Protein backbone atom coordinates (compact mmCIF):
# COMPACT_ATOMS: atom_id res chain seq x y z
CA MET A 1 104.33 -121.63 151.51
CA ILE A 2 104.87 -123.30 154.87
CA GLN A 3 103.18 -126.61 155.58
CA ASP A 4 102.95 -128.84 158.63
CA HIS A 5 100.92 -132.02 159.10
CA GLU A 6 97.63 -130.18 159.67
CA LEU A 7 98.37 -126.52 158.91
CA GLN A 8 99.34 -124.65 155.78
CA PHE A 9 100.43 -121.01 155.46
CA ARG A 10 100.39 -119.41 152.03
CA PRO A 11 100.27 -115.92 150.55
CA ILE A 12 96.88 -114.28 150.14
CA ALA A 13 95.32 -115.12 146.76
CA GLU A 14 92.74 -113.03 144.91
CA GLY A 15 90.14 -115.75 145.50
CA ASP A 16 90.57 -115.24 149.26
CA LEU A 17 89.52 -111.57 149.17
CA PRO A 18 85.70 -112.00 149.29
CA ARG A 19 85.88 -114.20 152.38
CA LEU A 20 88.42 -111.96 154.11
CA TRP A 21 86.16 -108.95 153.50
CA GLU A 22 83.16 -110.82 154.93
CA LEU A 23 85.07 -111.79 158.07
CA VAL A 24 86.68 -108.43 158.77
CA TYR A 25 84.84 -105.51 157.16
CA LYS A 26 81.31 -106.48 156.04
CA GLU A 27 79.52 -106.10 159.40
CA GLU A 28 79.33 -102.96 161.51
CA ALA A 29 79.72 -104.96 164.74
CA PRO A 30 81.16 -108.44 164.01
CA GLU A 31 81.12 -111.09 166.74
CA TRP A 32 84.92 -111.31 166.89
CA LYS A 33 85.17 -107.62 167.82
CA LYS A 34 83.66 -108.43 171.24
CA TRP A 35 86.89 -110.27 172.04
CA ASP A 36 89.32 -107.90 170.29
CA ALA A 37 91.36 -105.19 172.00
CA PRO A 38 89.08 -102.19 172.61
CA TYR A 39 91.71 -99.66 171.61
CA PHE A 40 91.58 -100.56 167.92
CA GLU A 41 88.69 -98.91 166.09
CA HIS A 42 86.70 -101.12 163.71
CA LYS A 43 85.44 -99.63 160.47
CA CYS A 44 82.89 -101.31 158.23
CA ILE A 45 83.77 -100.74 154.54
CA SER A 46 82.05 -101.64 151.29
CA TRP A 47 83.25 -104.44 149.03
CA GLU A 48 84.12 -101.86 146.37
CA GLU A 49 86.32 -99.89 148.76
CA TYR A 50 87.98 -103.09 150.01
CA TYR A 51 88.51 -104.56 146.55
CA GLY A 52 89.87 -101.22 145.34
CA SER A 53 92.74 -101.68 147.80
CA GLU A 54 93.48 -105.17 146.47
CA PRO A 55 97.04 -104.56 145.20
CA LYS A 56 98.04 -103.33 148.66
CA LEU A 57 96.44 -106.40 150.28
CA LEU A 58 98.07 -108.90 147.94
CA ALA A 59 101.51 -107.31 148.39
CA VAL A 60 101.54 -108.34 152.06
């Protein structure tokens, strides 16, 4: 973990996964994608598909 006065970086925890899925994969066209590079395709995936890849996500 890295911590500054106002900012803290830590590894991804299992409790973070629902919110990460909501922000990145839940919606077909999320608001943030309007400002993202157009050459990266966005794919909406189900919670089950996302959570099934959990070990890979937590190993990051």
